[in-house]
Protein backbone atom coordinates (compact mmCIF):
# COMPACT_ATOMS: atom_id res chain seq x y z
CA UNK A 1 -2.37 0.12 10.87
CA UNK A 2 -5.35 1.22 8.86
CA UNK A 3 -8.16 3.54 9.87
CA UNK A 4 -11.18 1.70 8.44
CA UNK A 5 -12.59 0.53 11.78
CA UNK A 6 -16.28 0.33 10.96
CA UNK A 7 -16.53 -3.12 9.42
CA UNK A 8 -15.15 -6.63 9.51
CA UNK A 9 -12.42 -7.33 6.95
CA UNK A 10 -13.51 -8.92 3.70
CA UNK A 11 -10.79 -10.85 1.90
CA UNK A 12 -11.61 -12.13 -1.58
CA UNK A 13 -9.85 -14.42 -4.01
CA UNK A 14 -7.62 -12.57 -6.43
CA UNK A 15 -9.41 -10.63 -9.16
CA UNK A 16 -7.28 -10.21 -12.30
CA UNK A 17 -9.15 -6.93 -12.98
CA UNK A 18 -7.45 -5.34 -9.97
CA UNK A 19 -4.23 -4.87 -11.94
CA UNK A 20 -5.92 -2.89 -14.72
CA UNK A 21 -7.96 -0.83 -12.27
CA UNK A 22 -4.81 -0.03 -10.31
CA UNK A 23 -2.93 0.92 -13.46
CA UNK A 24 -5.77 3.14 -14.69
CA UNK A 25 -6.14 4.93 -11.37
CA UNK A 26 -2.37 5.41 -11.10
CA UNK A 27 -2.30 6.94 -14.59
CA UNK A 28 -5.21 9.25 -13.72
CA UNK A 29 -3.64 10.45 -10.48
CA UNK A 30 -0.21 10.85 -12.08
CA UNK A 31 -1.72 13.21 -14.65
CA UNK A 32 -3.81 15.14 -12.11
CA UNK A 33 -1.13 15.52 -9.43
CA UNK A 34 1.94 16.27 -11.55
CA UNK A 35 4.54 17.57 -11.09
CA UNK A 36 4.47 17.01 -7.30
CA UNK A 37 3.66 13.30 -7.72
CA UNK A 38 7.07 11.89 -8.65
CA UNK A 39 5.78 8.31 -8.82
CA UNK A 40 2.29 6.82 -8.59
CA UNK A 41 2.28 3.04 -8.20
CA UNK A 42 -0.17 0.26 -7.46
CA UNK A 43 1.04 -1.49 -4.28
CA UNK A 44 -0.30 -3.95 -1.74
CA UNK A 45 -2.00 -7.28 -2.23
CA UNK A 46 -4.24 -6.22 -5.13
CA UNK A 47 -1.02 -5.53 -7.09
CA UNK A 48 0.28 -9.10 -6.60
CA UNK A 49 -0.91 -11.75 -9.10
CA UNK A 50 -2.87 -14.52 -7.41
CA UNK A 51 -3.00 -12.83 -4.00
CA UNK A 52 -6.23 -12.79 -2.01
CA UNK A 53 -7.03 -9.29 -0.80
CA UNK A 54 -9.57 -6.87 0.51
CA UNK A 55 -11.25 -5.42 -2.61
CA UNK A 56 -9.61 -2.04 -2.04
CA UNK A 57 -6.76 -0.80 -4.23
CA UNK A 58 -3.68 0.53 -2.46
CA UNK A 59 -1.74 3.17 -4.36
CA UNK A 60 1.43 4.95 -3.32
CA UNK A 61 2.30 8.45 -4.42
CA UNK A 62 5.93 9.43 -3.93
CA UNK A 63 6.66 13.10 -3.29
CA UNK A 64 9.60 15.27 -2.26
CA UNK A 65 7.60 17.41 0.18
CA UNK A 66 4.79 15.95 2.31
CA UNK A 67 3.29 19.20 3.70
CA UNK A 68 3.35 20.76 0.23
CA UNK A 69 1.75 17.70 -1.33
CA UNK A 70 -0.92 17.63 1.38
CA UNK A 71 -1.92 21.22 0.60
CA UNK A 72 -1.77 20.74 -3.16
CA UNK A 73 -3.53 17.37 -3.31
CA UNK A 74 -6.43 17.96 -0.91
CA UNK A 75 -8.80 19.73 -3.28
CA UNK A 76 -8.00 17.58 -6.32
CA UNK A 77 -8.44 14.37 -4.37
CA UNK A 78 -11.63 15.56 -2.68
CA UNK A 79 -13.12 16.16 -6.13
CA UNK A 80 -12.33 12.50 -6.92
CA UNK A 81 -14.08 11.25 -3.78
CA UNK A 82 -11.05 10.92 -1.50
CA UNK A 83 -11.12 11.93 2.14
CA UNK A 84 -7.88 12.77 3.97
CA UNK A 85 -7.61 10.96 7.28
CA UNK A 86 -5.49 11.90 10.30
CA UNK A 87 -3.32 8.75 10.17
CA UNK A 88 0.25 10.02 9.58
CA UNK A 89 2.63 7.16 10.43
CA UNK A 90 3.29 3.66 9.20
CA UNK A 91 4.18 0.65 11.33
CA UNK A 92 7.94 0.40 11.91
CA UNK A 93 8.91 -3.25 11.40
CA UNK A 94 10.01 -5.23 14.45
CA UNK A 95 13.76 -5.23 14.93
CA UNK A 96 14.28 -1.90 13.20
CA UNK A 97 15.44 0.81 15.58
CA UNK A 98 14.41 3.90 13.68
CA UNK A 99 12.96 7.33 14.31
CA UNK A 100 9.19 7.02 13.67
CA UNK A 101 9.37 10.42 11.95
CA UNK A 102 11.14 8.69 9.06
CA UNK A 103 7.96 6.59 8.63
CA UNK A 104 5.59 9.53 8.18
CA UNK A 105 3.06 9.78 5.40
CA UNK A 106 -0.28 11.32 4.41
CA UNK A 107 -3.29 9.11 3.85
CA UNK A 108 -6.48 9.49 1.83
CA UNK A 109 -9.30 6.96 1.53
CA UNK A 110 -12.12 6.51 -1.00
CA UNK A 111 -15.11 4.22 -0.51
CA UNK A 112 -18.29 3.60 -2.48
CA UNK A 113 -16.99 5.37 -5.58
CA UNK A 114 -17.54 4.09 -9.14
CA UNK A 115 -13.84 4.63 -9.79
CA UNK A 116 -12.86 1.90 -7.25
CA UNK A 117 -12.35 1.92 -3.51
CA UNK A 118 -8.82 2.99 -2.71
CA UNK A 119 -6.32 3.63 0.07
CA UNK A 120 -3.90 6.32 -1.08
CA UNK A 121 -0.57 6.48 0.73
CA UNK A 122 1.57 9.56 0.07
CA UNK A 123 5.17 9.01 1.18
CA UNK A 124 8.51 10.74 0.86
CA UNK A 125 10.97 9.76 -1.85
CA UNK A 126 13.67 7.57 -0.33
CA UNK A 127 11.85 7.05 2.97
CA UNK A 128 11.91 3.54 4.47
CA UNK A 129 8.12 3.17 4.29
CA UNK A 130 8.07 4.18 0.62
CA UNK A 131 10.74 1.57 -0.12
CA UNK A 132 9.12 -1.16 2.00
CA UNK A 133 5.78 -0.93 0.17
CA UNK A 134 7.51 -1.54 -3.15
CA UNK A 135 9.82 -4.25 -1.82
CA UNK A 136 6.89 -6.20 -0.34
CA UNK A 137 5.00 -6.11 -3.64
CA UNK A 138 8.01 -6.95 -5.81
CA UNK A 139 9.26 -9.79 -3.58
CA UNK A 140 5.91 -11.55 -3.84
CA UNK A 141 5.80 -10.96 -7.60
CA UNK A 142 9.24 -12.59 -7.87
CA UNK A 143 8.22 -15.47 -5.56
CA UNK A 144 4.76 -16.65 -6.66
CA UNK A 145 5.27 -19.88 -4.70
CA UNK A 146 4.88 -17.82 -1.49
CA UNK A 147 1.58 -16.24 -2.55
CA UNK A 148 -0.80 -19.11 -1.60
CA UNK A 149 0.45 -19.31 2.00
CA UNK A 150 0.17 -15.60 2.64
CA UNK A 151 -3.21 -15.45 0.88
CA UNK A 152 -4.48 -18.31 3.07
CA UNK A 153 -3.22 -16.58 6.23
CA UNK A 154 -5.10 -13.41 5.30
CA UNK A 155 -8.31 -15.28 4.49
CA UNK A 156 -8.25 -17.20 7.78
CA UNK A 157 -7.41 -14.06 9.75
CA UNK A 158 -10.29 -12.14 8.17
CA UNK A 159 -12.62 -14.89 9.31
CA UNK A 160 -11.69 -14.63 12.98
CA UNK A 161 -11.29 -10.89 13.65
CA UNK A 162 -14.14 -8.41 13.79
CA UNK A 163 -12.62 -5.15 12.53
CA UNK A 164 -10.05 -3.98 10.02
CA UNK A 165 -7.76 -2.38 12.61
CA UNK A 166 -7.35 -5.68 14.47
CA UNK A 167 -6.79 -7.42 11.13
CA UNK A 168 -3.99 -4.96 10.32
CA UNK A 169 -2.42 -5.22 13.78
CA UNK A 170 -2.23 -9.02 13.57
CA UNK A 171 -0.98 -8.92 9.98
CA UNK A 172 1.86 -6.42 10.64
CA UNK A 173 4.24 -8.94 12.31
CA UNK A 174 3.74 -11.36 9.41
CA UNK A 175 4.63 -8.57 6.99
CA UNK A 176 7.74 -8.01 9.14
CA UNK A 177 8.69 -11.67 8.59
CA UNK A 178 8.26 -11.29 4.83
CA UNK A 179 10.53 -8.25 4.90
CA UNK A 180 13.31 -10.21 6.66
CA UNK A 181 13.32 -12.60 3.68
CA UNK A 182 12.81 -9.88 1.07
CA UNK A 183 15.79 -7.76 2.15
CA UNK A 184 18.45 -10.38 1.30
CA UNK A 185 16.67 -11.00 -2.01
CA UNK A 186 16.78 -7.27 -2.76
CA UNK A 187 20.50 -7.14 -2.02
CA UNK A 188 21.38 -10.24 -4.04
CA UNK A 189 19.15 -9.46 -7.00
CA UNK A 190 20.04 -5.78 -7.36
CA UNK A 191 16.40 -4.77 -6.80
CA UNK A 192 15.73 -1.06 -6.69
CA UNK A 193 12.54 0.87 -5.90
CA UNK A 194 10.56 2.20 -8.87
CA UNK A 195 12.24 -0.17 -11.35
CA UNK A 196 8.76 -1.08 -12.64
CA UNK A 197 7.89 2.58 -13.18
CA UNK A 198 11.01 3.36 -15.22
């Protein structure tokens, strides 16, 4: 679930410039938030070639200590136009019986900034939500034939809901379905998180 409740979702056709913007912002944040930022990666639909998406970059920062990162990152991120929001948990996929505390995170958002609108998810190294964000991205990158169907679903959904929270709530179960297909692929292919960053 997101926390951008003030407007209807806007889903656009894929913009090839998203990849370079995501890479540039990841590089900038990696330099500014080291050494606490263990990994900074472009995730979500804007990181998937050909995928329709809201024109907002999603980046994930992986850390070893969430409270420490929250304290250390707040000032630096505020200077870059980011606002920390109270949202602290990710959706636990259907069928997974897990302690919601394992799905904790910290979340910053930036809007109307010349350096690109961004959702910044800070998650713990090795946590299931950190892994899932990377698996979702990498499965779609490895299966471009699945991109048009998911892109079409998102575009249609954005046209019939009136706020971003409803959009996210309806989309979550579809993401859960993707994960049920992505997990066997991860096991059979030897996929590991952060392989792209290494």
